[in-house]
Amino acid sequence: MSVDAFLASGPRTMWVAAHPDDECFSGTLLARSRFYYGNALCMVVLTHGEGGECCLEEGCKPDLATVRGQEMAKVAERYGAELIHEHFFNAPLPVETFPRRHEIYARWVQQKDPVDTVAQAIRRFKPDLLLTFSPVVGATGHPEHQLASRVATAAVRAAAEGAEPHRVARTYYVLNRYWPYVLAGKADPGPVTEQFDATLPCPGAGRCLDFMLEATRLHRTQARDMAAVRRFYGAFLTMNLRLTDPFREVYPPDEPAAHGGMG
């Protein structure tokens, strides 16, 4: 059964990501699920993105985390989604100074258990379909994208146990296989098990792609990055997916990254 056919069966859909604005990577499929098929949708975002930049002329008051949280709430409302927005540490720019993936995870664990946090969200929302990043590259190489994936799949396993277990029927990695990344050797690794057509219709928005692109305008603090998403919309015409079994394919969140701040 294709992912779109699965959406037609009415699955409760969850997206687990690291930052406000990450939904652009999966937004076309999320919009299709919510608006074409009327499925319940939940977005789990682990940080408030306080380590990013503020592109607002008037500045970001009282602070960037607050403003980005407000923006994310507007985006979730636009998608008709429930939002679970956590405050885990977000590594500050520049990219070259990012801690390694496992070092960031150690910071997160000091705050509270991120796996248990997402597992509780899964038990309560009871998604049938869960989408997240690739655990190795994470679309852009950002270590927090990779962590969001690893936390999400660890949470899928944890949620299937305990007093009120819930087992997610399908878990997909959203892969960045845009050709410049492939040529540069920076793309998410395959295999691609399925491709989702982002030009499929979403009621009231034309194509699901158009809905996603327009929703990026709500992330005003991230105007530079979101303008790039709209400019290079060809990267989002097709969503490359990999169906994974989190019970067999295990990527521990605390696994030491080999080198560099971007992994």
C-alpha atoms as a PDB file:
ATOM      1  CA  MET A   1       0.000   0.000   0.000  1.00  0.00           C
ATOM      2  CA  SER A   2       1.444   3.389  -1.004  1.00  0.00           C
ATOM      3  CA  VAL A   3       1.740   6.110   1.596  1.00  0.00           C
ATOM      4  CA  ASP A   4      -1.080   8.068  -0.060  1.00  0.00           C
ATOM      5  CA  ALA A   5      -3.308   4.996  -0.022  1.00  0.00           C
ATOM      6  CA  PHE A   6      -2.382   4.562   3.635  1.00  0.00           C
ATOM      7  CA  LEU A   7      -3.376   8.186   4.287  1.00  0.00           C
ATOM      8  CA  ALA A   8      -6.749   7.396   2.722  1.00  0.00           C
ATOM      9  CA  SER A   9      -7.315   4.767   5.434  1.00  0.00           C
ATOM     10  CA  GLY A  10      -7.428   7.523   8.092  1.00  0.00           C
ATOM     11  CA  PRO A  11      -4.173   7.222  10.050  1.00  0.00           C
ATOM     12  CA  ARG A  12      -3.503   9.629  12.877  1.00  0.00           C
ATOM     13  CA  THR A  13      -0.320  11.351  11.726  1.00  0.00           C
ATOM     14  CA  MET A  14       2.648  12.634  13.754  1.00  0.00           C
ATOM     15  CA  TRP A  15       5.744  14.613  12.726  1.00  0.00           C
ATOM     16  CA  VAL A  16       8.720  14.680  15.121  1.00  0.00           C
ATOM     17  CA  ALA A  17      11.312  17.379  14.445  1.00  0.00           C
ATOM     18  CA  ALA A  18      13.990  19.450  16.127  1.00  0.00           C
ATOM     19  CA  HIS A  19      13.177  23.072  15.276  1.00  0.00           C
ATOM     20  CA  PRO A  20      10.370  25.464  14.466  1.00  0.00           C
ATOM     21  CA  ASP A  21      10.332  25.613  10.616  1.00  0.00           C
ATOM     22  CA  ASP A  22      11.434  21.961  10.177  1.00  0.00           C
ATOM     23  CA  GLU A  23       7.892  21.088   9.091  1.00  0.00           C
ATOM     24  CA  CYS A  24       8.750  22.391   5.598  1.00  0.00           C
ATOM     25  CA  PHE A  25      10.537  19.078   4.952  1.00  0.00           C
ATOM     26  CA  SER A  26       7.360  17.036   5.488  1.00  0.00           C
ATOM     27  CA  GLY A  27       4.696  19.712   5.095  1.00  0.00           C
ATOM     28  CA  THR A  28       3.334  18.537   1.753  1.00  0.00           C
ATOM     29  CA  LEU A  29       2.467  15.098   3.101  1.00  0.00           C
ATOM     30  CA  LEU A  30       1.198  16.530   6.403  1.00  0.00           C
ATOM     31  CA  ALA A  31      -1.117  18.867   4.502  1.00  0.00           C
ATOM     32  CA  ARG A  32      -2.358  16.005   2.330  1.00  0.00           C
ATOM     33  CA  SER A  33      -3.109  13.906   5.401  1.00  0.00           C
ATOM     34  CA  ARG A  34      -4.882  16.698   7.260  1.00  0.00           C
ATOM     35  CA  PHE A  35      -6.791  18.559   4.575  1.00  0.00           C
ATOM     36  CA  TYR A  36      -7.433  16.042   1.817  1.00  0.00           C
ATOM     37  CA  TYR A  37      -8.174  13.064   4.029  1.00  0.00           C
ATOM     38  CA  GLY A  38      -9.179  14.832   7.264  1.00  0.00           C
ATOM     39  CA  ASN A  39      -6.762  12.886   9.460  1.00  0.00           C
ATOM     40  CA  ALA A  40      -5.767  14.034  12.941  1.00  0.00           C
ATOM     41  CA  LEU A  41      -2.311  15.613  12.945  1.00  0.00           C
ATOM     42  CA  CYS A  42       0.228  16.256  15.709  1.00  0.00           C
ATOM     43  CA  MET A  43       3.558  18.102  15.434  1.00  0.00           C
ATOM     44  CA  VAL A  44       6.209  17.403  18.065  1.00  0.00           C
ATOM     45  CA  VAL A  45       8.998  20.015  18.017  1.00  0.00           C
ATOM     46  CA  LEU A  46      11.827  19.482  20.481  1.00  0.00           C
ATOM     47  CA  THR A  47      13.466  22.936  20.637  1.00  0.00           C
ATOM     48  CA  HIS A  48      12.379  26.559  20.375  1.00  0.00           C
ATOM     49  CA  GLY A  49      15.277  27.415  18.053  1.00  0.00           C
ATOM     50  CA  GLU A  50      16.861  30.002  20.340  1.00  0.00           C
ATOM     51  CA  GLY A  51      20.260  29.288  18.799  1.00  0.00           C
ATOM     52  CA  GLY A  52      19.171  30.560  15.383  1.00  0.00           C
ATOM     53  CA  GLU A  53      19.018  34.027  13.920  1.00  0.00           C
ATOM     54  CA  CYS A  54      16.399  36.768  14.080  1.00  0.00           C
ATOM     55  CA  CYS A  55      15.585  38.339  10.711  1.00  0.00           C
ATOM     56  CA  LEU A  56      13.035  40.821  12.054  1.00  0.00           C
ATOM     57  CA  GLU A  57      13.869  44.523  11.693  1.00  0.00           C
ATOM     58  CA  GLU A  58      12.119  45.210  14.972  1.00  0.00           C
ATOM     59  CA  GLY A  59      14.122  42.482  16.705  1.00  0.00           C
ATOM     60  CA  CYS A  60      12.853  39.468  18.631  1.00  0.00           C
ATOM     61  CA  LYS A  61      11.393  40.499  21.978  1.00  0.00           C
ATOM     62  CA  PRO A  62      11.382  39.358  24.687  1.00  0.00           C
ATOM     63  CA  ASP A  63      13.689  36.735  23.147  1.00  0.00           C
ATOM     64  CA  LEU A  64      14.074  34.595  20.036  1.00  0.00           C
ATOM     65  CA  ALA A  65      12.726  31.420  21.657  1.00  0.00           C
ATOM     66  CA  THR A  66       9.471  33.134  22.583  1.00  0.00           C
ATOM     67  CA  VAL A  67       8.954  34.628  19.134  1.00  0.00           C
ATOM     68  CA  ARG A  68       9.781  31.389  17.325  1.00  0.00           C
ATOM     69  CA  GLY A  69       7.409  29.550  19.643  1.00  0.00           C
ATOM     70  CA  GLN A  70       4.653  31.976  18.694  1.00  0.00           C
ATOM     71  CA  GLU A  71       5.440  31.488  15.011  1.00  0.00           C
ATOM     72  CA  MET A  72       5.340  27.712  15.373  1.00  0.00           C
ATOM     73  CA  ALA A  73       1.956  27.925  17.096  1.00  0.00           C
ATOM     74  CA  LYS A  74       0.608  29.869  14.104  1.00  0.00           C
ATOM     75  CA  VAL A  75       2.023  27.284  11.705  1.00  0.00           C
ATOM     76  CA  ALA A  76       0.452  24.407  13.654  1.00  0.00           C
ATOM     77  CA  GLU A  77      -2.859  26.254  13.584  1.00  0.00           C
ATOM     78  CA  ARG A  78      -2.530  26.723   9.820  1.00  0.00           C
ATOM     79  CA  TYR A  79      -1.981  22.970   9.437  1.00  0.00           C
ATOM     80  CA  GLY A  80      -4.863  22.187  11.792  1.00  0.00           C
ATOM     81  CA  ALA A  81      -2.395  20.306  13.984  1.00  0.00           C
ATOM     82  CA  GLU A  82      -1.982  19.724  17.674  1.00  0.00           C
ATOM     83  CA  LEU A  83       1.397  21.124  18.725  1.00  0.00           C
ATOM     84  CA  ILE A  84       3.667  19.681  21.397  1.00  0.00           C
ATOM     85  CA  HIS A  85       6.545  22.156  21.677  1.00  0.00           C
ATOM     86  CA  GLU A  86       9.429  21.344  24.008  1.00  0.00           C
ATOM     87  CA  HIS A  87      12.310  23.505  25.265  1.00  0.00           C
ATOM     88  CA  PHE A  88      15.334  21.274  24.766  1.00  0.00           C
ATOM     89  CA  PHE A  89      18.696  22.989  24.212  1.00  0.00           C
ATOM     90  CA  ASN A  90      19.280  24.355  20.701  1.00  0.00           C
ATOM     91  CA  ALA A  91      22.921  24.715  19.655  1.00  0.00           C
ATOM     92  CA  PRO A  92      23.736  28.338  18.776  1.00  0.00           C
ATOM     93  CA  LEU A  93      25.058  29.437  15.417  1.00  0.00           C
ATOM     94  CA  PRO A  94      27.516  29.449  13.720  1.00  0.00           C
ATOM     95  CA  VAL A  95      27.339  25.917  12.392  1.00  0.00           C
ATOM     96  CA  GLU A  96      31.074  25.415  12.887  1.00  0.00           C
ATOM     97  CA  THR A  97      30.658  25.653  16.649  1.00  0.00           C
ATOM     98  CA  PHE A  98      27.875  23.068  16.996  1.00  0.00           C
ATOM     99  CA  PRO A  99      28.598  20.372  19.587  1.00  0.00           C
ATOM    100  CA  ARG A 100      28.565  16.829  18.299  1.00  0.00           C
ATOM    101  CA  ARG A 101      25.293  14.940  18.229  1.00  0.00           C
ATOM    102  CA  HIS A 102      25.878  12.858  21.350  1.00  0.00           C
ATOM    103  CA  GLU A 103      27.094  15.926  23.246  1.00  0.00           C
ATOM    104  CA  ILE A 104      23.827  17.715  22.478  1.00  0.00           C
ATOM    105  CA  TYR A 105      21.917  14.648  23.574  1.00  0.00           C
ATOM    106  CA  ALA A 106      23.762  14.721  26.902  1.00  0.00           C
ATOM    107  CA  ARG A 107      22.562  18.317  27.329  1.00  0.00           C
ATOM    108  CA  TRP A 108      18.990  17.277  26.541  1.00  0.00           C
ATOM    109  CA  VAL A 109      19.048  14.433  29.067  1.00  0.00           C
ATOM    110  CA  GLN A 110      20.157  16.854  31.766  1.00  0.00           C
ATOM    111  CA  GLN A 111      16.897  18.757  31.191  1.00  0.00           C
ATOM    112  CA  LYS A 112      14.614  15.686  31.086  1.00  0.00           C
ATOM    113  CA  ASP A 113      14.371  12.395  29.225  1.00  0.00           C
ATOM    114  CA  PRO A 114      13.606  13.264  25.569  1.00  0.00           C
ATOM    115  CA  VAL A 115      12.752   9.665  24.631  1.00  0.00           C
ATOM    116  CA  ASP A 116      10.224   9.385  27.430  1.00  0.00           C
ATOM    117  CA  THR A 117       8.831  12.818  26.504  1.00  0.00           C
ATOM    118  CA  VAL A 118       8.106  11.733  22.927  1.00  0.00           C
ATOM    119  CA  ALA A 119       6.950   8.269  24.029  1.00  0.00           C
ATOM    120  CA  GLN A 120       4.353   9.919  26.265  1.00  0.00           C
ATOM    121  CA  ALA A 121       3.197  12.019  23.308  1.00  0.00           C
ATOM    122  CA  ILE A 122       2.879   8.856  21.207  1.00  0.00           C
ATOM    123  CA  ARG A 123       0.903   7.009  23.884  1.00  0.00           C
ATOM    124  CA  ARG A 124      -1.472   9.939  24.258  1.00  0.00           C
ATOM    125  CA  PHE A 125      -1.961  10.929  20.592  1.00  0.00           C
ATOM    126  CA  LYS A 126      -1.758   7.329  19.316  1.00  0.00           C
ATOM    127  CA  PRO A 127      -0.371   7.969  15.821  1.00  0.00           C
ATOM    128  CA  ASP A 128      -0.650   5.298  13.167  1.00  0.00           C
ATOM    129  CA  LEU A 129       1.881   7.090  10.963  1.00  0.00           C
ATOM    130  CA  LEU A 130       5.036   8.794  12.233  1.00  0.00           C
ATOM    131  CA  LEU A 131       7.402  10.896  10.107  1.00  0.00           C
ATOM    132  CA  THR A 132      10.826  12.157  11.115  1.00  0.00           C
ATOM    133  CA  PHE A 133      14.290  12.929   9.707  1.00  0.00           C
ATOM    134  CA  SER A 134      16.989  10.486   8.669  1.00  0.00           C
ATOM    135  CA  PRO A 135      19.118   9.473  11.695  1.00  0.00           C
ATOM    136  CA  VAL A 136      22.467   9.694   9.886  1.00  0.00           C
ATOM    137  CA  VAL A 137      22.467  12.988   7.939  1.00  0.00           C
ATOM    138  CA  GLY A 138      19.135  14.531   8.850  1.00  0.00           C
ATOM    139  CA  ALA A 139      18.434  16.424   5.593  1.00  0.00           C
ATOM    140  CA  THR A 140      20.983  19.197   6.190  1.00  0.00           C
ATOM    141  CA  GLY A 141      23.557  17.512   8.399  1.00  0.00           C
ATOM    142  CA  HIS A 142      22.262  19.287  11.505  1.00  0.00           C
ATOM    143  CA  PRO A 143      23.022  17.101  14.553  1.00  0.00           C
ATOM    144  CA  GLU A 144      19.688  18.053  16.136  1.00  0.00           C
ATOM    145  CA  HIS A 145      17.815  16.774  13.068  1.00  0.00           C
ATOM    146  CA  GLN A 146      19.622  13.475  13.520  1.00  0.00           C
ATOM    147  CA  LEU A 147      18.790  13.477  17.219  1.00  0.00           C
ATOM    148  CA  ALA A 148      15.113  14.179  16.582  1.00  0.00           C
ATOM    149  CA  SER A 149      15.030  11.080  14.390  1.00  0.00           C
ATOM    150  CA  ARG A 150      16.856   8.900  16.897  1.00  0.00           C
ATOM    151  CA  VAL A 151      14.702  10.111  19.780  1.00  0.00           C
ATOM    152  CA  ALA A 152      11.536   9.557  17.717  1.00  0.00           C
ATOM    153  CA  THR A 153      12.346   5.955  16.808  1.00  0.00           C
ATOM    154  CA  ALA A 154      13.527   5.160  20.337  1.00  0.00           C
ATOM    155  CA  ALA A 155      10.216   6.604  21.545  1.00  0.00           C
ATOM    156  CA  VAL A 156       8.286   4.390  19.108  1.00  0.00           C
ATOM    157  CA  ARG A 157       9.908   1.379  20.771  1.00  0.00           C
ATOM    158  CA  ALA A 158       9.334   2.718  24.282  1.00  0.00           C
ATOM    159  CA  ALA A 159       5.685   3.603  23.594  1.00  0.00           C
ATOM    160  CA  ALA A 160       4.959   0.020  22.557  1.00  0.00           C
ATOM    161  CA  GLU A 161       5.722  -1.115  26.114  1.00  0.00           C
ATOM    162  CA  GLY A 162       4.390  -0.280  29.555  1.00  0.00           C
ATOM    163  CA  ALA A 163       0.944  -0.016  31.113  1.00  0.00           C
ATOM    164  CA  GLU A 164      -0.714   1.796  28.183  1.00  0.00           C
ATOM    165  CA  PRO A 165       1.228   0.652  25.126  1.00  0.00           C
ATOM    166  CA  HIS A 166       0.703   1.982  21.626  1.00  0.00           C
ATOM    167  CA  ARG A 167       2.424   0.569  18.544  1.00  0.00           C
ATOM    168  CA  VAL A 168       2.903   2.897  15.565  1.00  0.00           C
ATOM    169  CA  ALA A 169       1.918   1.089  12.366  1.00  0.00           C
ATOM    170  CA  ARG A 170       4.267   2.931   9.987  1.00  0.00           C
ATOM    171  CA  THR A 171       7.408   5.001  10.580  1.00  0.00           C
ATOM    172  CA  TYR A 172       9.071   6.864   7.725  1.00  0.00           C
ATOM    173  CA  TYR A 173      12.312   8.784   7.368  1.00  0.00           C
ATOM    174  CA  VAL A 174      11.965  11.897   5.206  1.00  0.00           C
ATOM    175  CA  LEU A 175      15.081  11.910   3.010  1.00  0.00           C
ATOM    176  CA  ASN A 176      16.810  14.833   1.345  1.00  0.00           C
ATOM    177  CA  ARG A 177      17.824  13.450  -2.045  1.00  0.00           C
ATOM    178  CA  TYR A 178      17.898  16.758  -3.944  1.00  0.00           C
ATOM    179  CA  TRP A 179      20.429  16.358  -6.743  1.00  0.00           C
ATOM    180  CA  PRO A 180      22.967  19.032  -5.609  1.00  0.00           C
ATOM    181  CA  TYR A 181      23.220  17.272  -2.243  1.00  0.00           C
ATOM    182  CA  VAL A 182      23.596  13.918  -3.962  1.00  0.00           C
ATOM    183  CA  LEU A 183      26.394  15.237  -6.218  1.00  0.00           C
ATOM    184  CA  ALA A 184      28.163  16.795  -3.230  1.00  0.00           C
ATOM    185  CA  GLY A 185      27.902  13.557  -1.236  1.00  0.00           C
ATOM    186  CA  LYS A 186      25.842  15.290   1.446  1.00  0.00           C
ATOM    187  CA  ALA A 187      22.434  13.728   0.778  1.00  0.00           C
ATOM    188  CA  ASP A 188      20.589  11.409   3.107  1.00  0.00           C
ATOM    189  CA  PRO A 189      21.560   7.814   2.317  1.00  0.00           C
ATOM    190  CA  GLY A 190      19.093   5.495   0.631  1.00  0.00           C
ATOM    191  CA  PRO A 191      17.347   3.370  -0.025  1.00  0.00           C
ATOM    192  CA  VAL A 192      14.271   5.343  -1.007  1.00  0.00           C
ATOM    193  CA  THR A 193      11.335   2.988  -0.553  1.00  0.00           C
ATOM    194  CA  GLU A 194       8.680   5.411  -1.786  1.00  0.00           C
ATOM    195  CA  GLN A 195       8.179   8.844  -3.321  1.00  0.00           C
ATOM    196  CA  PHE A 196       5.289  11.133  -2.451  1.00  0.00           C
ATOM    197  CA  ASP A 197       4.030  13.532  -5.121  1.00  0.00           C
ATOM    198  CA  ALA A 198       3.839  16.987  -3.524  1.00  0.00           C
ATOM    199  CA  THR A 199       1.745  18.332  -6.393  1.00  0.00           C
ATOM    200  CA  LEU A 200      -1.258  16.282  -5.267  1.00  0.00           C
ATOM    201  CA  PRO A 201      -4.234  18.492  -4.355  1.00  0.00           C
ATOM    202  CA  CYS A 202      -5.010  19.929  -0.945  1.00  0.00           C
ATOM    203  CA  PRO A 203      -8.465  21.519  -0.605  1.00  0.00           C
ATOM    204  CA  GLY A 204      -8.354  25.306  -0.507  1.00  0.00           C
ATOM    205  CA  ALA A 205      -4.656  25.492  -1.345  1.00  0.00           C
ATOM    206  CA  GLY A 206      -4.279  23.996  -4.813  1.00  0.00           C
ATOM    207  CA  ARG A 207      -1.285  21.722  -4.562  1.00  0.00           C
ATOM    208  CA  CYS A 208      -0.023  20.449  -1.226  1.00  0.00           C
ATOM    209  CA  LEU A 209       3.303  21.981  -2.230  1.00  0.00           C
ATOM    210  CA  ASP A 210       1.687  25.422  -2.460  1.00  0.00           C
ATOM    211  CA  PHE A 211       0.218  25.037   1.016  1.00  0.00           C
ATOM    212  CA  MET A 212       3.594  24.148   2.504  1.00  0.00           C
ATOM    213  CA  LEU A 213       5.403  26.998   0.735  1.00  0.00           C
ATOM    214  CA  GLU A 214       2.862  29.580   1.825  1.00  0.00           C
ATOM    215  CA  ALA A 215       2.984  28.365   5.433  1.00  0.00           C
ATOM    216  CA  THR A 216       6.747  29.043   5.540  1.00  0.00           C
ATOM    217  CA  ARG A 217       5.952  32.779   5.480  1.00  0.00           C
ATOM    218  CA  LEU A 218       4.726  32.480   9.060  1.00  0.00           C
ATOM    219  CA  HIS A 219       8.323  31.817  10.186  1.00  0.00           C
ATOM    220  CA  ARG A 220       9.183  35.506   9.898  1.00  0.00           C
ATOM    221  CA  THR A 221      12.267  35.292  12.105  1.00  0.00           C
ATOM    222  CA  GLN A 222      13.715  32.766   9.655  1.00  0.00           C
ATOM    223  CA  ALA A 223      12.963  34.816   6.540  1.00  0.00           C
ATOM    224  CA  ARG A 224      16.299  34.024   4.904  1.00  0.00           C
ATOM    225  CA  ASP A 225      16.013  30.251   5.194  1.00  0.00           C
ATOM    226  CA  MET A 226      12.318  30.212   4.332  1.00  0.00           C
ATOM    227  CA  ALA A 227      12.885  32.389   1.260  1.00  0.00           C
ATOM    228  CA  ALA A 228      15.430  29.792   0.114  1.00  0.00           C
ATOM    229  CA  VAL A 229      12.835  27.039   0.558  1.00  0.00           C
ATOM    230  CA  ARG A 230      10.416  28.957  -1.662  1.00  0.00           C
ATOM    231  CA  ARG A 231      13.106  29.816  -4.210  1.00  0.00           C
ATOM    232  CA  PHE A 232      14.292  26.225  -4.521  1.00  0.00           C
ATOM    233  CA  TYR A 233      10.835  24.672  -4.362  1.00  0.00           C
ATOM    234  CA  GLY A 234      11.950  22.072  -6.890  1.00  0.00           C
ATOM    235  CA  ALA A 235      13.649  20.282  -3.999  1.00  0.00           C
ATOM    236  CA  PHE A 236      10.204  19.669  -2.503  1.00  0.00           C
ATOM    237  CA  LEU A 237       8.241  18.578  -5.586  1.00  0.00           C
ATOM    238  CA  THR A 238       8.824  14.963  -4.595  1.00  0.00           C
ATOM    239  CA  MET A 239       9.189  13.762  -1.032  1.00  0.00           C
ATOM    240  CA  ASN A 240      11.570  10.844  -0.774  1.00  0.00           C
ATOM    241  CA  LEU A 241      10.655   8.432   1.994  1.00  0.00           C
ATOM    242  CA  ARG A 242      12.167   5.381   3.584  1.00  0.00           C
ATOM    243  CA  LEU A 243       9.895   3.037   5.464  1.00  0.00           C
ATOM    244  CA  THR A 244      11.736   1.818   8.537  1.00  0.00           C
ATOM    245  CA  ASP A 245      11.113  -0.688  11.292  1.00  0.00           C
ATOM    246  CA  PRO A 246      12.348   1.015  14.492  1.00  0.00           C
ATOM    247  CA  PHE A 247      12.330  -2.339  16.288  1.00  0.00           C
ATOM    248  CA  ARG A 248      14.914  -3.776  13.887  1.00  0.00           C
ATOM    249  CA  GLU A 249      16.761  -0.696  12.634  1.00  0.00           C
ATOM    250  CA  VAL A 250      18.117   0.931  15.802  1.00  0.00           C
ATOM    251  CA  TYR A 251      20.044   4.214  15.976  1.00  0.00           C
ATOM    252  CA  PRO A 252      20.748   5.056  19.635  1.00  0.00           C
ATOM    253  CA  PRO A 253      20.470   8.773  20.483  1.00  0.00           C
ATOM    254  CA  ASP A 254      23.597   8.584  22.645  1.00  0.00           C
ATOM    255  CA  GLU A 255      25.735   6.893  19.973  1.00  0.00           C
ATOM    256  CA  PRO A 256      28.978   8.897  19.694  1.00  0.00           C
ATOM    257  CA  ALA A 257      29.276  10.895  16.481  1.00  0.00           C
ATOM    258  CA  ALA A 258      32.439  10.140  14.553  1.00  0.00           C
ATOM    259  CA  HIS A 259      33.626  13.690  14.036  1.00  0.00           C
ATOM    260  CA  GLY A 260      32.690  17.328  13.583  1.00  0.00           C
ATOM    261  CA  GLY A 261      29.862  19.479  14.840  1.00  0.00           C
ATOM    262  CA  MET A 262      27.472  18.403  12.101  1.00  0.00           C
ATOM    263  CA  GLY A 263      27.116  14.777  13.087  1.00  0.00           C
END
